[in-house]
Amino acid sequence: MAAEIAIETPLQDDVRTMVAALNATMMPLTPREFQFQLTVEQMAEPTVTLFVAREADGHPVGMGALKNHGAGVGEVKRMFTLPEVRGKRIGARILQHIETLAREKAMSRLVLETGEAEGFEPAWRVYERGGFTRCGAVLDYPDSGFSRFYEKKLS
């Protein structure tokens, strides 16, 4: 059975564990000062909606969030799937849920920042297959050379 994806609170122990796994994955890939991670508490703010993918036994295997910046702009944040389920299109499905919610909220543009280093290739593929195109720096992110930026126009 395919993983089920639903909106959940990040304030759960198993989600905290998955966030810690994501953070540990990012640490060796990008200098810390160029990692723009939302904490679990920030993910629980009203402007952020978290989607969690769970296997039939309830074990979380992936997540992704939509942060509403207002003015029709949404940001994809904290995309992650556990290594053992990569290649099963869970990330693509989470991204589709984020896009659907953005459209429901009348957002006209989705943006995201991800790493620009070896190790990020699977993420780039998910975004590019999802219709995102590379763009210049977005929001207030620095154009440091350690980030890659994507956007998708929704209207």
N, C-alpha and C. Protein backbone atom coordinates (compact mmCIF):
# COMPACT_ATOMS: atom_id res chain seq x y z
N MET A 1 0.84 -1.19 0.00
CA MET A 1 0.00 0.00 0.00
C MET A 1 0.88 1.25 0.00
N ALA A 2 0.49 2.23 -0.77
CA ALA A 2 1.24 3.48 -0.85
C ALA A 2 1.08 4.28 0.44
N ALA A 3 2.09 5.07 0.73
CA ALA A 3 2.05 5.92 1.91
C ALA A 3 0.88 6.89 1.80
N GLU A 4 0.23 7.14 2.92
CA GLU A 4 -0.84 8.13 2.99
C GLU A 4 -0.25 9.46 3.41
N ILE A 5 -0.72 10.53 2.79
CA ILE A 5 -0.20 11.87 3.07
C ILE A 5 -1.33 12.71 3.65
N ALA A 6 -1.03 13.36 4.77
CA ALA A 6 -2.04 14.19 5.44
C ALA A 6 -1.38 15.38 6.11
N ILE A 7 -2.18 16.41 6.36
CA ILE A 7 -1.72 17.56 7.13
C ILE A 7 -1.64 17.14 8.60
N GLU A 8 -0.50 17.43 9.21
CA GLU A 8 -0.30 17.06 10.62
C GLU A 8 0.45 18.17 11.33
N THR A 9 0.42 18.11 12.64
CA THR A 9 1.23 19.02 13.44
C THR A 9 2.67 18.48 13.47
N PRO A 10 3.65 19.37 13.43
CA PRO A 10 5.03 18.91 13.56
C PRO A 10 5.40 18.58 15.01
N LEU A 11 4.53 18.92 15.94
CA LEU A 11 4.83 18.76 17.36
C LEU A 11 4.53 17.34 17.83
N GLN A 12 5.09 16.37 17.13
CA GLN A 12 4.95 14.96 17.47
C GLN A 12 6.36 14.38 17.52
N ASP A 13 6.57 13.44 18.41
CA ASP A 13 7.92 12.89 18.57
C ASP A 13 8.46 12.27 17.29
N ASP A 14 7.61 11.53 16.55
CA ASP A 14 8.12 10.88 15.34
C ASP A 14 8.41 11.89 14.23
N VAL A 15 7.70 13.00 14.21
CA VAL A 15 8.01 14.04 13.24
C VAL A 15 9.28 14.77 13.66
N ARG A 16 9.44 15.03 14.94
CA ARG A 16 10.68 15.63 15.45
C ARG A 16 11.89 14.77 15.07
N THR A 17 11.72 13.45 15.15
CA THR A 17 12.80 12.54 14.79
C THR A 17 13.12 12.66 13.31
N MET A 18 12.09 12.79 12.47
CA MET A 18 12.33 12.93 11.04
C MET A 18 13.00 14.28 10.73
N VAL A 19 12.60 15.34 11.41
CA VAL A 19 13.25 16.65 11.23
C VAL A 19 14.72 16.56 11.63
N ALA A 20 15.01 15.85 12.72
CA ALA A 20 16.40 15.67 13.14
C ALA A 20 17.20 14.90 12.07
N ALA A 21 16.57 13.91 11.44
CA ALA A 21 17.23 13.15 10.38
C ALA A 21 17.51 14.06 9.18
N LEU A 22 16.56 14.91 8.82
CA LEU A 22 16.77 15.87 7.74
C LEU A 22 17.94 16.80 8.08
N ASN A 23 17.93 17.35 9.28
CA ASN A 23 19.00 18.26 9.68
C ASN A 23 20.36 17.57 9.63
N ALA A 24 20.44 16.33 10.07
CA ALA A 24 21.69 15.57 10.06
C ALA A 24 22.15 15.32 8.62
N THR A 25 21.20 15.12 7.71
CA THR A 25 21.54 14.92 6.30
C THR A 25 22.13 16.19 5.70
N MET A 26 21.59 17.34 6.08
CA MET A 26 22.03 18.62 5.52
C MET A 26 23.38 19.08 6.05
N MET A 27 23.69 18.74 7.29
CA MET A 27 24.88 19.28 7.95
C MET A 27 26.17 19.13 7.12
N PRO A 28 26.48 17.96 6.58
CA PRO A 28 27.75 17.86 5.85
C PRO A 28 27.69 18.43 4.42
N LEU A 29 26.51 18.79 3.93
CA LEU A 29 26.37 19.20 2.54
C LEU A 29 26.53 20.70 2.31
N THR A 30 26.17 21.50 3.29
CA THR A 30 26.16 22.96 3.14
C THR A 30 26.65 23.59 4.44
N PRO A 31 27.47 24.64 4.36
CA PRO A 31 27.89 25.31 5.61
C PRO A 31 26.68 25.74 6.43
N ARG A 32 26.78 25.59 7.74
CA ARG A 32 25.65 25.85 8.64
C ARG A 32 25.03 27.23 8.42
N GLU A 33 25.86 28.25 8.18
CA GLU A 33 25.31 29.60 8.03
C GLU A 33 24.49 29.77 6.76
N PHE A 34 24.53 28.78 5.86
CA PHE A 34 23.73 28.84 4.64
C PHE A 34 22.65 27.74 4.62
N GLN A 35 22.31 27.24 5.80
CA GLN A 35 21.19 26.33 5.95
C GLN A 35 20.05 27.12 6.58
N PHE A 36 18.90 27.08 5.94
CA PHE A 36 17.77 27.92 6.37
C PHE A 36 16.62 27.03 6.83
N GLN A 37 16.88 26.34 7.93
CA GLN A 37 15.96 25.34 8.45
C GLN A 37 14.90 25.97 9.34
N LEU A 38 13.65 25.57 9.14
CA LEU A 38 12.62 25.90 10.10
C LEU A 38 12.72 24.90 11.24
N THR A 39 12.62 25.37 12.47
CA THR A 39 12.53 24.46 13.61
C THR A 39 11.14 23.85 13.64
N VAL A 40 10.98 22.82 14.43
CA VAL A 40 9.66 22.21 14.59
C VAL A 40 8.67 23.26 15.11
N GLU A 41 9.11 24.09 16.03
CA GLU A 41 8.22 25.12 16.58
C GLU A 41 7.82 26.12 15.50
N GLN A 42 8.76 26.51 14.63
CA GLN A 42 8.42 27.42 13.53
C GLN A 42 7.48 26.74 12.54
N MET A 43 7.63 25.44 12.36
CA MET A 43 6.74 24.70 11.47
C MET A 43 5.32 24.62 12.02
N ALA A 44 5.16 24.85 13.31
CA ALA A 44 3.84 24.80 13.93
C ALA A 44 3.13 26.16 13.89
N GLU A 45 3.78 27.18 13.34
CA GLU A 45 3.16 28.50 13.25
C GLU A 45 2.01 28.48 12.25
N PRO A 46 1.04 29.39 12.39
CA PRO A 46 -0.14 29.39 11.52
C PRO A 46 0.14 29.60 10.04
N THR A 47 1.27 30.18 9.69
CA THR A 47 1.58 30.42 8.27
C THR A 47 2.17 29.18 7.59
N VAL A 48 2.40 28.11 8.35
CA VAL A 48 3.02 26.91 7.81
C VAL A 48 2.07 25.73 7.91
N THR A 49 1.96 24.97 6.83
CA THR A 49 1.17 23.74 6.81
C THR A 49 2.12 22.59 6.49
N LEU A 50 2.14 21.59 7.37
CA LEU A 50 3.03 20.45 7.20
C LEU A 50 2.26 19.23 6.70
N PHE A 51 2.79 18.62 5.65
CA PHE A 51 2.26 17.35 5.15
C PHE A 51 3.23 16.24 5.58
N VAL A 52 2.68 15.15 6.09
CA VAL A 52 3.48 14.00 6.51
C VAL A 52 2.99 12.78 5.75
N ALA A 53 3.92 12.02 5.20
CA ALA A 53 3.61 10.75 4.54
C ALA A 53 3.88 9.63 5.55
N ARG A 54 2.90 8.75 5.69
CA ARG A 54 3.03 7.64 6.63
C ARG A 54 2.71 6.33 5.93
N GLU A 55 3.47 5.30 6.29
CA GLU A 55 3.19 3.96 5.81
C GLU A 55 1.96 3.43 6.51
N ALA A 56 1.46 2.29 6.07
CA ALA A 56 0.24 1.70 6.63
C ALA A 56 0.35 1.47 8.14
N ASP A 57 1.57 1.21 8.63
CA ASP A 57 1.75 0.98 10.07
C ASP A 57 1.85 2.28 10.86
N GLY A 58 1.73 3.43 10.18
CA GLY A 58 1.78 4.73 10.85
C GLY A 58 3.16 5.35 10.93
N HIS A 59 4.17 4.63 10.48
CA HIS A 59 5.55 5.14 10.52
C HIS A 59 5.71 6.27 9.50
N PRO A 60 6.20 7.46 9.93
CA PRO A 60 6.41 8.55 8.97
C PRO A 60 7.62 8.28 8.08
N VAL A 61 7.45 8.53 6.78
CA VAL A 61 8.54 8.28 5.83
C VAL A 61 8.89 9.50 4.99
N GLY A 62 8.11 10.57 5.13
CA GLY A 62 8.39 11.77 4.36
C GLY A 62 7.60 12.94 4.87
N MET A 63 8.05 14.13 4.47
CA MET A 63 7.34 15.35 4.89
C MET A 63 7.69 16.48 3.94
N GLY A 64 6.89 17.51 3.99
CA GLY A 64 7.13 18.75 3.26
C GLY A 64 6.14 19.78 3.75
N ALA A 65 6.51 21.04 3.68
CA ALA A 65 5.66 22.09 4.23
C ALA A 65 5.46 23.22 3.22
N LEU A 66 4.35 23.90 3.39
CA LEU A 66 4.03 25.12 2.64
C LEU A 66 4.01 26.26 3.64
N LYS A 67 4.86 27.27 3.38
CA LYS A 67 4.86 28.49 4.20
C LYS A 67 4.25 29.60 3.37
N ASN A 68 3.21 30.23 3.92
CA ASN A 68 2.50 31.31 3.25
C ASN A 68 3.19 32.63 3.60
N HIS A 69 3.75 33.28 2.58
CA HIS A 69 4.42 34.56 2.79
C HIS A 69 3.50 35.75 2.49
N GLY A 70 2.27 35.48 2.12
CA GLY A 70 1.37 36.55 1.75
C GLY A 70 1.64 37.04 0.34
N ALA A 71 0.83 37.95 -0.14
CA ALA A 71 0.98 38.54 -1.48
C ALA A 71 1.03 37.46 -2.57
N GLY A 72 0.36 36.33 -2.33
CA GLY A 72 0.28 35.28 -3.33
C GLY A 72 1.50 34.39 -3.45
N VAL A 73 2.45 34.50 -2.50
CA VAL A 73 3.68 33.71 -2.57
C VAL A 73 3.70 32.64 -1.49
N GLY A 74 3.94 31.42 -1.92
CA GLY A 74 4.13 30.31 -1.00
C GLY A 74 5.53 29.75 -1.16
N GLU A 75 6.05 29.20 -0.09
CA GLU A 75 7.39 28.63 -0.13
C GLU A 75 7.34 27.16 0.29
N VAL A 76 8.00 26.33 -0.47
CA VAL A 76 8.14 24.91 -0.15
C VAL A 76 9.31 24.79 0.84
N LYS A 77 9.05 24.16 1.98
CA LYS A 77 10.06 24.03 3.03
C LYS A 77 10.11 22.59 3.53
N ARG A 78 11.26 22.21 4.08
CA ARG A 78 11.49 20.99 4.83
C ARG A 78 11.07 19.71 4.10
N MET A 79 11.31 19.69 2.78
CA MET A 79 11.04 18.49 2.00
C MET A 79 12.06 17.41 2.37
N PHE A 80 11.56 16.20 2.66
CA PHE A 80 12.45 15.11 3.05
C PHE A 80 11.72 13.79 2.95
N THR A 81 12.41 12.80 2.44
CA THR A 81 11.93 11.42 2.53
C THR A 81 13.06 10.58 3.10
N LEU A 82 12.69 9.58 3.86
CA LEU A 82 13.70 8.68 4.42
C LEU A 82 14.40 7.95 3.28
N PRO A 83 15.69 7.70 3.43
CA PRO A 83 16.45 7.04 2.35
C PRO A 83 15.84 5.73 1.88
N GLU A 84 15.26 4.97 2.78
CA GLU A 84 14.74 3.65 2.40
C GLU A 84 13.49 3.71 1.52
N VAL A 85 12.86 4.88 1.38
CA VAL A 85 11.68 4.97 0.50
C VAL A 85 11.93 5.86 -0.72
N ARG A 86 13.15 6.33 -0.87
CA ARG A 86 13.44 7.18 -2.04
C ARG A 86 13.27 6.37 -3.32
N GLY A 87 12.77 7.02 -4.34
CA GLY A 87 12.50 6.35 -5.61
C GLY A 87 11.07 5.87 -5.71
N LYS A 88 10.29 6.00 -4.65
CA LYS A 88 8.89 5.57 -4.65
C LYS A 88 7.92 6.73 -4.92
N ARG A 89 8.47 7.90 -5.28
CA ARG A 89 7.71 9.08 -5.66
C ARG A 89 6.92 9.71 -4.49
N ILE A 90 7.32 9.42 -3.29
CA ILE A 90 6.67 10.02 -2.13
C ILE A 90 6.92 11.52 -2.10
N GLY A 91 8.15 11.94 -2.38
CA GLY A 91 8.45 13.37 -2.43
C GLY A 91 7.63 14.08 -3.48
N ALA A 92 7.48 13.46 -4.65
CA ALA A 92 6.66 14.05 -5.71
C ALA A 92 5.21 14.18 -5.27
N ARG A 93 4.70 13.20 -4.57
CA ARG A 93 3.32 13.26 -4.09
C ARG A 93 3.14 14.33 -3.03
N ILE A 94 4.11 14.47 -2.13
CA ILE A 94 4.05 15.52 -1.12
C ILE A 94 4.07 16.89 -1.81
N LEU A 95 4.95 17.04 -2.79
CA LEU A 95 5.02 18.31 -3.52
C LEU A 95 3.70 18.62 -4.20
N GLN A 96 3.03 17.62 -4.73
CA GLN A 96 1.72 17.83 -5.36
C GLN A 96 0.68 18.29 -4.32
N HIS A 97 0.72 17.71 -3.13
CA HIS A 97 -0.20 18.15 -2.06
C HIS A 97 0.07 19.62 -1.71
N ILE A 98 1.34 19.99 -1.64
CA ILE A 98 1.69 21.38 -1.34
C ILE A 98 1.16 22.31 -2.43
N GLU A 99 1.35 21.92 -3.68
CA GLU A 99 0.87 22.75 -4.78
C GLU A 99 -0.66 22.87 -4.77
N THR A 100 -1.33 21.77 -4.51
CA THR A 100 -2.80 21.80 -4.46
C THR A 100 -3.28 22.76 -3.37
N LEU A 101 -2.67 22.70 -2.20
CA LEU A 101 -3.05 23.61 -1.12
C LEU A 101 -2.74 25.05 -1.49
N ALA A 102 -1.60 25.29 -2.12
CA ALA A 102 -1.25 26.65 -2.55
C ALA A 102 -2.30 27.20 -3.51
N ARG A 103 -2.75 26.37 -4.43
CA ARG A 103 -3.80 26.80 -5.36
C ARG A 103 -5.10 27.09 -4.62
N GLU A 104 -5.46 26.22 -3.66
CA GLU A 104 -6.67 26.45 -2.86
C GLU A 104 -6.60 27.77 -2.10
N LYS A 105 -5.41 28.15 -1.69
CA LYS A 105 -5.20 29.40 -0.95
C LYS A 105 -4.96 30.58 -1.90
N ALA A 106 -5.20 30.37 -3.19
CA ALA A 106 -5.08 31.41 -4.23
C ALA A 106 -3.66 31.98 -4.33
N MET A 107 -2.67 31.17 -4.06
CA MET A 107 -1.30 31.62 -4.26
C MET A 107 -1.00 31.58 -5.75
N SER A 108 -0.23 32.53 -6.21
CA SER A 108 0.09 32.60 -7.64
C SER A 108 1.50 32.11 -7.96
N ARG A 109 2.31 31.92 -6.92
CA ARG A 109 3.71 31.53 -7.15
C ARG A 109 4.22 30.73 -5.97
N LEU A 110 4.88 29.62 -6.28
CA LEU A 110 5.61 28.84 -5.28
C LEU A 110 7.09 29.03 -5.52
N VAL A 111 7.85 29.17 -4.45
CA VAL A 111 9.30 29.31 -4.53
C VAL A 111 9.94 28.35 -3.54
N LEU A 112 11.22 28.11 -3.74
CA LEU A 112 11.95 27.31 -2.77
C LEU A 112 13.45 27.55 -2.89
N GLU A 113 14.12 27.28 -1.80
CA GLU A 113 15.58 27.34 -1.73
C GLU A 113 16.04 25.96 -1.33
N THR A 114 17.05 25.45 -2.03
CA THR A 114 17.65 24.17 -1.68
C THR A 114 19.16 24.29 -1.87
N GLY A 115 19.86 23.25 -1.52
CA GLY A 115 21.32 23.30 -1.62
C GLY A 115 21.83 23.22 -3.05
N GLU A 116 23.04 23.74 -3.22
CA GLU A 116 23.72 23.74 -4.53
C GLU A 116 25.02 22.96 -4.39
N ALA A 117 24.89 21.71 -3.97
CA ALA A 117 26.09 20.89 -3.76
C ALA A 117 25.79 19.45 -4.13
N GLU A 118 26.84 18.69 -4.31
CA GLU A 118 26.68 17.26 -4.54
C GLU A 118 25.88 16.68 -3.38
N GLY A 119 24.92 15.85 -3.70
CA GLY A 119 24.04 15.27 -2.68
C GLY A 119 22.61 15.79 -2.78
N PHE A 120 22.43 16.92 -3.47
CA PHE A 120 21.10 17.50 -3.63
C PHE A 120 20.43 17.10 -4.94
N GLU A 121 21.10 16.31 -5.77
CA GLU A 121 20.56 15.96 -7.09
C GLU A 121 19.17 15.33 -7.02
N PRO A 122 18.90 14.43 -6.06
CA PRO A 122 17.54 13.86 -6.00
C PRO A 122 16.47 14.94 -5.75
N ALA A 123 16.78 15.92 -4.92
CA ALA A 123 15.83 17.00 -4.66
C ALA A 123 15.59 17.81 -5.93
N TRP A 124 16.68 18.13 -6.64
CA TRP A 124 16.52 18.91 -7.88
C TRP A 124 15.61 18.18 -8.85
N ARG A 125 15.77 16.85 -8.95
CA ARG A 125 14.93 16.07 -9.87
C ARG A 125 13.46 16.15 -9.47
N VAL A 126 13.17 16.04 -8.18
CA VAL A 126 11.78 16.13 -7.72
C VAL A 126 11.18 17.47 -8.11
N TYR A 127 11.90 18.55 -7.86
CA TYR A 127 11.36 19.88 -8.17
C TYR A 127 11.21 20.09 -9.67
N GLU A 128 12.21 19.70 -10.43
CA GLU A 128 12.15 19.91 -11.88
C GLU A 128 11.07 19.05 -12.52
N ARG A 129 10.92 17.82 -12.07
CA ARG A 129 9.83 16.97 -12.58
C ARG A 129 8.48 17.50 -12.16
N GLY A 130 8.43 18.25 -11.05
CA GLY A 130 7.20 18.85 -10.56
C GLY A 130 6.87 20.17 -11.24
N GLY A 131 7.65 20.56 -12.24
CA GLY A 131 7.35 21.76 -12.99
C GLY A 131 8.01 23.03 -12.48
N PHE A 132 8.91 22.91 -11.52
CA PHE A 132 9.64 24.07 -11.02
C PHE A 132 10.81 24.36 -11.96
N THR A 133 11.11 25.65 -12.10
CA THR A 133 12.26 26.06 -12.91
C THR A 133 13.21 26.87 -12.05
N ARG A 134 14.49 26.79 -12.40
CA ARG A 134 15.49 27.54 -11.66
C ARG A 134 15.26 29.03 -11.86
N CYS A 135 15.59 29.79 -10.82
CA CYS A 135 15.43 31.24 -10.87
C CYS A 135 16.51 31.87 -10.00
N GLY A 136 16.52 33.19 -9.95
CA GLY A 136 17.44 33.90 -9.08
C GLY A 136 16.99 33.79 -7.63
N ALA A 137 17.76 34.37 -6.75
CA ALA A 137 17.46 34.33 -5.32
C ALA A 137 16.04 34.81 -5.04
N VAL A 138 15.37 34.14 -4.11
CA VAL A 138 13.99 34.45 -3.77
C VAL A 138 13.90 34.90 -2.31
N LEU A 139 12.80 35.61 -2.03
CA LEU A 139 12.53 36.11 -0.68
C LEU A 139 13.76 36.84 -0.17
N ASP A 140 14.17 36.56 1.06
CA ASP A 140 15.33 37.28 1.60
C ASP A 140 16.57 36.39 1.70
N TYR A 141 16.61 35.33 0.89
CA TYR A 141 17.77 34.45 0.90
C TYR A 141 18.96 35.12 0.21
N PRO A 142 20.17 34.93 0.76
CA PRO A 142 21.34 35.48 0.08
C PRO A 142 21.70 34.64 -1.14
N ASP A 143 22.24 35.27 -2.15
CA ASP A 143 22.72 34.56 -3.33
C ASP A 143 24.18 34.22 -3.08
N SER A 144 24.39 33.18 -2.26
CA SER A 144 25.71 32.86 -1.72
C SER A 144 26.52 31.89 -2.58
N GLY A 145 25.87 31.24 -3.52
CA GLY A 145 26.53 30.17 -4.25
C GLY A 145 26.32 28.81 -3.59
N PHE A 146 25.79 28.80 -2.36
CA PHE A 146 25.49 27.55 -1.67
C PHE A 146 24.03 27.15 -1.82
N SER A 147 23.23 28.00 -2.46
CA SER A 147 21.80 27.74 -2.63
C SER A 147 21.44 27.68 -4.10
N ARG A 148 20.42 26.89 -4.38
CA ARG A 148 19.78 26.85 -5.70
C ARG A 148 18.32 27.23 -5.46
N PHE A 149 17.80 28.08 -6.33
CA PHE A 149 16.44 28.58 -6.16
C PHE A 149 15.54 28.09 -7.30
N TYR A 150 14.29 27.82 -6.96
CA TYR A 150 13.30 27.37 -7.92
C TYR A 150 12.02 28.15 -7.71
N GLU A 151 11.21 28.22 -8.80
CA GLU A 151 9.90 28.81 -8.71
C GLU A 151 8.94 28.06 -9.63
N LYS A 152 7.67 28.21 -9.32
CA LYS A 152 6.61 27.68 -10.19
C LYS A 152 5.46 28.66 -10.13
N LYS A 153 5.11 29.18 -11.28
CA LYS A 153 3.95 30.08 -11.36
C LYS A 153 2.68 29.24 -11.39
N LEU A 154 1.71 29.62 -10.58
CA LEU A 154 0.48 28.84 -10.46
C LEU A 154 -0.69 29.47 -11.21
N SER A 155 -0.55 30.70 -11.65
CA SER A 155 -1.66 31.34 -12.36
C SER A 155 -1.18 32.00 -13.63
